[in-house]
N, C-alpha and C. Protein backbone atom coordinates (compact mmCIF):
# COMPACT_ATOMS: atom_id res chain seq x y z
N MET A 1 -29.13 51.12 -53.32
CA MET A 1 -30.25 51.82 -53.66
C MET A 1 -29.93 51.42 -55.15
N SER A 2 -31.45 51.19 -55.69
CA SER A 2 -31.40 51.15 -57.09
C SER A 2 -30.92 52.10 -58.63
N VAL A 3 -30.41 52.29 -59.01
CA VAL A 3 -29.82 53.19 -60.12
C VAL A 3 -30.73 53.32 -61.16
N ILE A 4 -31.89 52.09 -61.52
CA ILE A 4 -32.30 52.16 -62.34
C ILE A 4 -34.03 52.25 -61.85
N ASP A 5 -34.86 52.97 -62.31
CA ASP A 5 -36.94 52.61 -61.60
C ASP A 5 -37.34 51.65 -62.26
N ARG A 6 -37.26 50.48 -61.62
CA ARG A 6 -37.62 49.00 -62.39
C ARG A 6 -39.02 49.00 -62.66
N GLN A 7 -39.61 49.60 -62.05
CA GLN A 7 -41.27 49.62 -62.83
C GLN A 7 -41.86 50.47 -63.60
N LYS A 8 -40.33 52.12 -63.61
CA LYS A 8 -41.01 52.91 -65.24
C LYS A 8 -40.12 51.61 -65.99
N LEU A 9 -39.20 51.09 -65.79
CA LEU A 9 -38.05 50.17 -67.02
C LEU A 9 -39.30 49.28 -67.71
N MET A 10 -39.29 48.56 -66.57
CA MET A 10 -40.44 47.08 -67.60
C MET A 10 -41.80 48.18 -68.15
N GLU A 11 -42.81 49.34 -67.77
CA GLU A 11 -43.37 50.00 -68.23
C GLU A 11 -43.26 50.33 -69.72
N ARG A 12 -41.77 51.10 -69.81
CA ARG A 12 -41.42 51.33 -70.77
C ARG A 12 -40.91 50.45 -72.25
N VAL A 13 -40.89 49.10 -71.22
CA VAL A 13 -40.88 47.93 -72.86
C VAL A 13 -41.39 46.72 -73.21
N GLY A 14 -42.87 47.40 -71.93
CA GLY A 14 -44.14 46.97 -72.24
C GLY A 14 -43.94 45.48 -72.06
N GLU A 15 -43.51 45.38 -70.32
CA GLU A 15 -43.02 44.36 -69.49
C GLU A 15 -42.35 43.05 -70.15
N SER A 16 -41.87 43.74 -71.72
CA SER A 16 -41.11 42.65 -72.75
C SER A 16 -39.47 41.96 -71.47
N PRO A 17 -39.39 41.14 -71.58
CA PRO A 17 -38.08 40.80 -70.99
C PRO A 17 -37.42 40.77 -72.02
N GLU A 18 -37.80 40.35 -73.40
CA GLU A 18 -37.00 40.12 -74.50
C GLU A 18 -36.27 41.85 -75.32
N LEU A 19 -37.33 41.68 -75.15
CA LEU A 19 -37.12 43.54 -75.42
C LEU A 19 -36.37 44.59 -74.52
N LEU A 20 -36.25 44.47 -72.90
CA LEU A 20 -35.16 45.11 -72.17
C LEU A 20 -34.16 44.41 -72.76
N VAL A 21 -33.40 43.25 -73.45
CA VAL A 21 -32.38 42.75 -73.14
C VAL A 21 -31.77 43.00 -74.54
N GLU A 22 -32.20 43.38 -75.20
CA GLU A 22 -32.02 44.04 -77.01
C GLU A 22 -31.56 45.73 -76.31
N LEU A 23 -32.37 46.13 -75.58
CA LEU A 23 -32.59 47.30 -75.30
C LEU A 23 -30.75 47.76 -74.06
N ILE A 24 -30.47 46.84 -73.38
CA ILE A 24 -29.33 46.25 -72.57
C ILE A 24 -28.51 46.17 -73.35
N GLN A 25 -28.40 44.98 -74.54
CA GLN A 25 -27.20 44.84 -74.77
C GLN A 25 -26.89 46.01 -75.53
N LEU A 26 -27.58 46.69 -76.40
CA LEU A 26 -26.84 47.85 -77.15
C LEU A 26 -26.79 49.00 -76.69
N PHE A 27 -27.61 49.49 -75.27
CA PHE A 27 -26.83 50.07 -74.96
C PHE A 27 -25.42 50.02 -74.80
N LEU A 28 -24.83 48.35 -74.08
CA LEU A 28 -23.96 48.33 -73.54
C LEU A 28 -23.04 48.37 -74.58
N GLU A 29 -22.56 48.36 -75.67
CA GLU A 29 -22.42 48.37 -76.59
C GLU A 29 -21.73 49.95 -77.19
N LEU A 30 -22.77 50.61 -76.79
CA LEU A 30 -23.02 52.25 -77.65
C LEU A 30 -22.30 53.26 -76.43
N GLY A 31 -22.97 52.79 -75.23
CA GLY A 31 -23.09 53.96 -74.04
C GLY A 31 -21.73 54.13 -74.14
N PRO A 32 -20.33 53.44 -73.71
CA PRO A 32 -18.99 54.06 -73.63
C PRO A 32 -17.82 54.39 -75.07
N THR A 33 -19.11 53.85 -75.86
CA THR A 33 -18.64 55.72 -77.49
C THR A 33 -19.68 56.51 -77.11
N MET A 34 -20.25 56.23 -76.28
CA MET A 34 -21.24 58.28 -76.56
C MET A 34 -20.81 58.78 -75.35
N LEU A 35 -20.26 58.26 -73.95
CA LEU A 35 -19.23 58.51 -73.27
C LEU A 35 -18.13 58.98 -74.02
N ALA A 36 -17.19 58.58 -74.45
CA ALA A 36 -15.47 58.73 -75.04
C ALA A 36 -16.11 60.29 -76.22
N ASP A 37 -17.89 60.36 -76.57
CA ASP A 37 -17.58 61.67 -77.41
C ASP A 37 -17.83 62.49 -76.57
N ILE A 38 -18.47 62.65 -75.73
CA ILE A 38 -18.53 63.54 -74.50
C ILE A 38 -17.22 63.84 -74.17
N LYS A 39 -16.24 63.22 -73.24
CA LYS A 39 -14.61 63.60 -73.31
C LYS A 39 -13.88 63.75 -74.36
N THR A 40 -14.23 63.88 -75.56
CA THR A 40 -13.39 64.75 -76.43
C THR A 40 -14.09 65.80 -77.17
N SER A 41 -15.73 65.59 -76.92
CA SER A 41 -15.96 67.50 -77.40
C SER A 41 -15.40 68.47 -76.10
N ILE A 42 -15.09 67.31 -74.21
CA ILE A 42 -14.42 68.30 -73.36
C ILE A 42 -13.30 68.51 -73.66
N GLU A 43 -12.68 67.10 -74.06
CA GLU A 43 -10.57 67.96 -74.46
C GLU A 43 -10.62 68.91 -75.43
N ASN A 44 -11.25 69.08 -76.98
CA ASN A 44 -11.53 69.78 -77.83
C ASN A 44 -12.25 71.57 -77.58
N ASN A 45 -12.34 71.75 -76.62
CA ASN A 45 -13.38 72.54 -76.24
C ASN A 45 -14.43 72.63 -76.77
N SER A 46 -14.94 72.40 -77.02
CA SER A 46 -15.87 71.97 -78.50
C SER A 46 -17.76 72.07 -77.78
N ALA A 47 -17.92 72.73 -77.38
CA ALA A 47 -19.59 73.07 -76.74
C ALA A 47 -20.50 72.32 -77.49
N ASP A 48 -20.62 73.03 -78.55
CA ASP A 48 -21.24 72.47 -79.34
C ASP A 48 -21.44 70.87 -80.07
N ASP A 49 -20.37 70.00 -79.55
CA ASP A 49 -20.07 69.09 -79.42
C ASP A 49 -20.65 68.03 -78.08
N LEU A 50 -20.47 69.02 -77.17
CA LEU A 50 -21.11 68.93 -76.16
C LEU A 50 -22.19 68.58 -75.89
N HIS A 51 -22.62 69.74 -76.51
CA HIS A 51 -24.46 69.72 -76.54
C HIS A 51 -24.97 68.13 -76.83
N ARG A 52 -24.66 68.04 -77.95
CA ARG A 52 -24.67 66.92 -79.03
C ARG A 52 -24.67 65.69 -78.94
N ALA A 53 -23.42 65.58 -77.78
CA ALA A 53 -23.44 64.39 -77.37
C ALA A 53 -23.41 63.85 -76.18
N ALA A 54 -23.81 65.00 -75.28
CA ALA A 54 -25.11 64.64 -73.48
C ALA A 54 -26.18 64.36 -74.79
N HIS A 55 -26.61 65.09 -75.53
CA HIS A 55 -28.26 65.05 -75.28
C HIS A 55 -28.58 63.55 -75.52
N THR A 56 -27.73 63.33 -77.15
CA THR A 56 -27.72 61.78 -77.66
C THR A 56 -28.05 60.78 -76.30
N LEU A 57 -26.79 61.25 -75.24
CA LEU A 57 -26.75 59.96 -74.09
C LEU A 57 -27.94 59.96 -73.34
N LYS A 58 -28.00 61.54 -72.91
CA LYS A 58 -28.99 61.27 -72.30
C LYS A 58 -30.54 61.14 -72.30
N GLY A 59 -30.87 61.19 -73.86
CA GLY A 59 -31.88 59.92 -74.68
C GLY A 59 -31.51 58.51 -73.99
N SER A 60 -30.61 58.24 -74.36
CA SER A 60 -30.47 57.10 -73.93
C SER A 60 -30.40 56.67 -72.71
N VAL A 61 -29.72 57.17 -71.46
CA VAL A 61 -30.35 57.01 -70.27
C VAL A 61 -31.37 56.71 -69.66
N GLY A 62 -32.05 57.71 -70.63
CA GLY A 62 -33.44 58.28 -69.84
C GLY A 62 -34.40 56.73 -69.81
N ASN A 63 -34.06 55.94 -71.20
CA ASN A 63 -34.78 55.05 -71.56
C ASN A 63 -34.94 53.91 -70.62
N PHE A 64 -33.89 53.50 -70.06
CA PHE A 64 -34.12 53.69 -67.99
C PHE A 64 -34.21 53.29 -66.80
N ALA A 65 -34.87 54.94 -67.19
CA ALA A 65 -35.55 55.26 -66.32
C ALA A 65 -34.16 55.18 -65.04
N ALA A 66 -33.12 55.69 -65.79
CA ALA A 66 -32.11 56.16 -64.62
C ALA A 66 -31.86 57.57 -63.88
N ASP A 67 -32.40 58.40 -63.59
CA ASP A 67 -32.79 58.79 -63.29
C ASP A 67 -31.46 60.65 -62.87
N ASP A 68 -30.63 59.61 -62.10
CA ASP A 68 -29.12 60.34 -61.60
C ASP A 68 -28.40 60.26 -62.80
N ALA A 69 -28.07 59.54 -64.11
CA ALA A 69 -27.31 59.61 -65.40
C ALA A 69 -28.01 60.08 -65.83
N PHE A 70 -29.25 59.93 -66.10
CA PHE A 70 -30.17 61.64 -67.03
C PHE A 70 -29.69 62.99 -66.19
N GLN A 71 -30.01 63.50 -65.44
CA GLN A 71 -29.38 64.78 -64.55
C GLN A 71 -28.23 64.67 -64.83
N ALA A 72 -27.46 63.91 -65.10
CA ALA A 72 -25.72 64.46 -65.26
C ALA A 72 -25.48 64.63 -66.32
N ALA A 73 -26.26 63.53 -67.69
CA ALA A 73 -26.18 64.14 -69.00
C ALA A 73 -26.91 65.39 -68.58
N LEU A 74 -27.53 65.86 -68.40
CA LEU A 74 -28.98 66.75 -68.70
C LEU A 74 -27.34 68.29 -68.89
N LEU A 75 -27.02 68.21 -67.22
CA LEU A 75 -26.46 69.46 -66.72
C LEU A 75 -25.44 69.23 -68.09
N LEU A 76 -24.61 68.04 -68.53
CA LEU A 76 -23.29 68.82 -69.26
C LEU A 76 -23.88 68.55 -70.80
N GLU A 77 -26.07 68.44 -71.28
CA GLU A 77 -26.01 68.92 -72.34
C GLU A 77 -26.17 70.55 -72.47
N THR A 78 -26.87 70.87 -70.70
CA THR A 78 -26.53 72.40 -70.52
C THR A 78 -25.78 73.61 -70.69
N ILE A 79 -24.17 73.02 -69.88
CA ILE A 79 -23.44 73.53 -70.39
C ILE A 79 -22.37 73.60 -71.76
N GLY A 80 -22.90 72.40 -72.50
CA GLY A 80 -22.77 72.99 -74.04
C GLY A 80 -23.64 73.84 -74.86
N ARG A 81 -25.25 73.87 -73.92
CA ARG A 81 -25.87 74.76 -74.48
C ARG A 81 -25.99 76.53 -74.77
N ASN A 82 -25.25 76.14 -72.90
CA ASN A 82 -24.96 77.60 -73.06
C ASN A 82 -23.03 78.35 -72.88
N SER A 83 -22.27 77.28 -73.90
CA SER A 83 -21.19 77.20 -74.20
C SER A 83 -20.34 78.15 -73.16
N ASP A 84 -20.44 77.57 -71.96
CA ASP A 84 -19.85 77.63 -70.70
C ASP A 84 -19.36 76.68 -70.16
N LEU A 85 -17.39 76.31 -69.91
CA LEU A 85 -17.52 75.16 -69.86
C LEU A 85 -16.67 75.01 -69.29
N SER A 86 -16.75 75.95 -68.17
CA SER A 86 -16.49 76.62 -66.68
C SER A 86 -17.41 74.87 -65.88
N GLY A 87 -16.65 74.13 -65.17
CA GLY A 87 -17.37 73.27 -64.22
C GLY A 87 -17.39 72.21 -64.71
N VAL A 88 -17.05 71.95 -66.35
CA VAL A 88 -17.51 70.54 -67.07
C VAL A 88 -16.70 69.47 -66.61
N GLN A 89 -15.36 70.02 -65.78
CA GLN A 89 -14.44 68.65 -65.71
C GLN A 89 -15.15 68.01 -64.56
N GLU A 90 -15.68 68.63 -63.23
CA GLU A 90 -16.49 68.14 -62.13
C GLU A 90 -17.50 67.72 -62.58
N ALA A 91 -18.51 67.76 -64.07
CA ALA A 91 -20.05 67.62 -64.14
C ALA A 91 -19.87 66.15 -64.82
N TYR A 92 -18.23 66.24 -65.69
CA TYR A 92 -18.35 64.97 -66.55
C TYR A 92 -17.73 63.69 -65.09
N ALA A 93 -16.98 64.12 -64.34
CA ALA A 93 -16.73 63.23 -63.21
C ALA A 93 -17.51 62.29 -62.40
N VAL A 94 -19.22 63.32 -62.29
CA VAL A 94 -20.46 63.22 -62.22
C VAL A 94 -21.26 61.53 -63.28
N LEU A 95 -20.95 62.07 -64.24
CA LEU A 95 -21.50 61.60 -65.66
C LEU A 95 -20.59 60.34 -65.57
N GLU A 96 -19.70 60.22 -65.62
CA GLU A 96 -19.10 58.84 -65.59
C GLU A 96 -19.04 57.72 -64.01
N ARG A 97 -19.18 58.41 -63.13
CA ARG A 97 -19.76 57.90 -62.00
C ARG A 97 -20.83 57.12 -62.33
N GLU A 98 -22.07 57.89 -62.26
CA GLU A 98 -23.35 57.51 -62.47
C GLU A 98 -23.93 56.38 -64.17
N MET A 99 -22.33 56.77 -65.22
CA MET A 99 -23.16 55.54 -66.09
C MET A 99 -21.85 54.02 -65.83
N SER A 100 -21.17 54.48 -64.82
CA SER A 100 -20.20 52.79 -64.09
C SER A 100 -21.62 52.67 -63.04
N ARG A 101 -22.28 53.20 -62.73
CA ARG A 101 -23.64 52.65 -61.61
C ARG A 101 -24.14 51.85 -62.91
N LEU A 102 -25.01 52.43 -63.60
CA LEU A 102 -26.04 52.48 -64.49
C LEU A 102 -25.48 50.55 -65.06
N ILE A 103 -24.11 51.47 -65.82
CA ILE A 103 -23.41 49.74 -66.82
C ILE A 103 -23.56 48.44 -65.75
N GLU A 104 -23.33 48.89 -64.17
CA GLU A 104 -23.12 47.45 -63.75
C GLU A 104 -24.64 47.10 -63.61
N GLU A 105 -25.65 47.76 -63.66
CA GLU A 105 -27.57 47.31 -62.74
C GLU A 105 -27.65 46.83 -64.13
N LEU A 106 -27.33 47.21 -65.20
CA LEU A 106 -27.38 46.87 -66.55
C LEU A 106 -26.90 45.84 -66.69
N MET A 107 -25.76 45.04 -66.50
CA MET A 107 -25.36 43.94 -66.70
C MET A 107 -26.25 42.54 -65.70
N ALA A 108 -25.99 43.41 -64.28
CA ALA A 108 -27.01 42.16 -63.57
C ALA A 108 -28.39 42.10 -63.78
N LEU A 109 -29.10 42.81 -64.66
CA LEU A 109 -29.73 43.16 -65.48
C LEU A 109 -30.70 41.90 -66.05
N LYS A 110 -29.43 41.99 -66.89
CA LYS A 110 -29.21 41.78 -68.11
C LYS A 110 -29.64 39.73 -68.00
N ILE A 111 -28.01 39.66 -66.94
CA ILE A 111 -28.41 38.65 -66.55
C ILE A 111 -29.50 38.30 -65.97
N GLU A 112 -30.27 38.35 -64.93
CA GLU A 112 -31.55 38.04 -64.42
C GLU A 112 -32.42 37.52 -65.38
N PHE A 113 -32.73 38.26 -66.21
CA PHE A 113 -33.40 37.83 -67.41
C PHE A 113 -33.53 37.12 -68.61
N VAL A 114 -32.14 36.71 -69.01
CA VAL A 114 -31.63 36.18 -69.96
C VAL A 114 -31.95 34.82 -69.46
N SER A 115 -32.65 33.94 -70.09
CA SER A 115 -32.90 32.31 -69.61
C SER A 115 -31.35 31.22 -70.06
N PRO A 116 -32.02 30.15 -68.85
CA PRO A 116 -30.32 29.64 -69.55
C PRO A 116 -30.95 28.70 -70.68
N GLN A 117 -30.34 28.46 -71.34
CA GLN A 117 -30.33 27.79 -73.19
C GLN A 117 -30.35 26.27 -72.80
């Protein structure tokens, strides 16, 4: 099953494969850092930092119409906003899994849309 709603994604990039590849590349560069920021905020027991970091990542994965990753980031954002870190480890594990799935699918999508030179 696909992680990304491809139809929504293509609509969001105006059916432009070039723009899609640019967005994918940017996310592949920044996504792991955003995930690391979330992990650091959890390790530091910083609900405010968790809220901000998860909000940022949520917006980024939302661009790709990746609902499962979006929902996982939203849960962590909510945990941070509510300043109740109980259950945060489990929620982070879900996000980590969904990010892995998303990155794998984005790499395959990038290869599909990059034309041979």
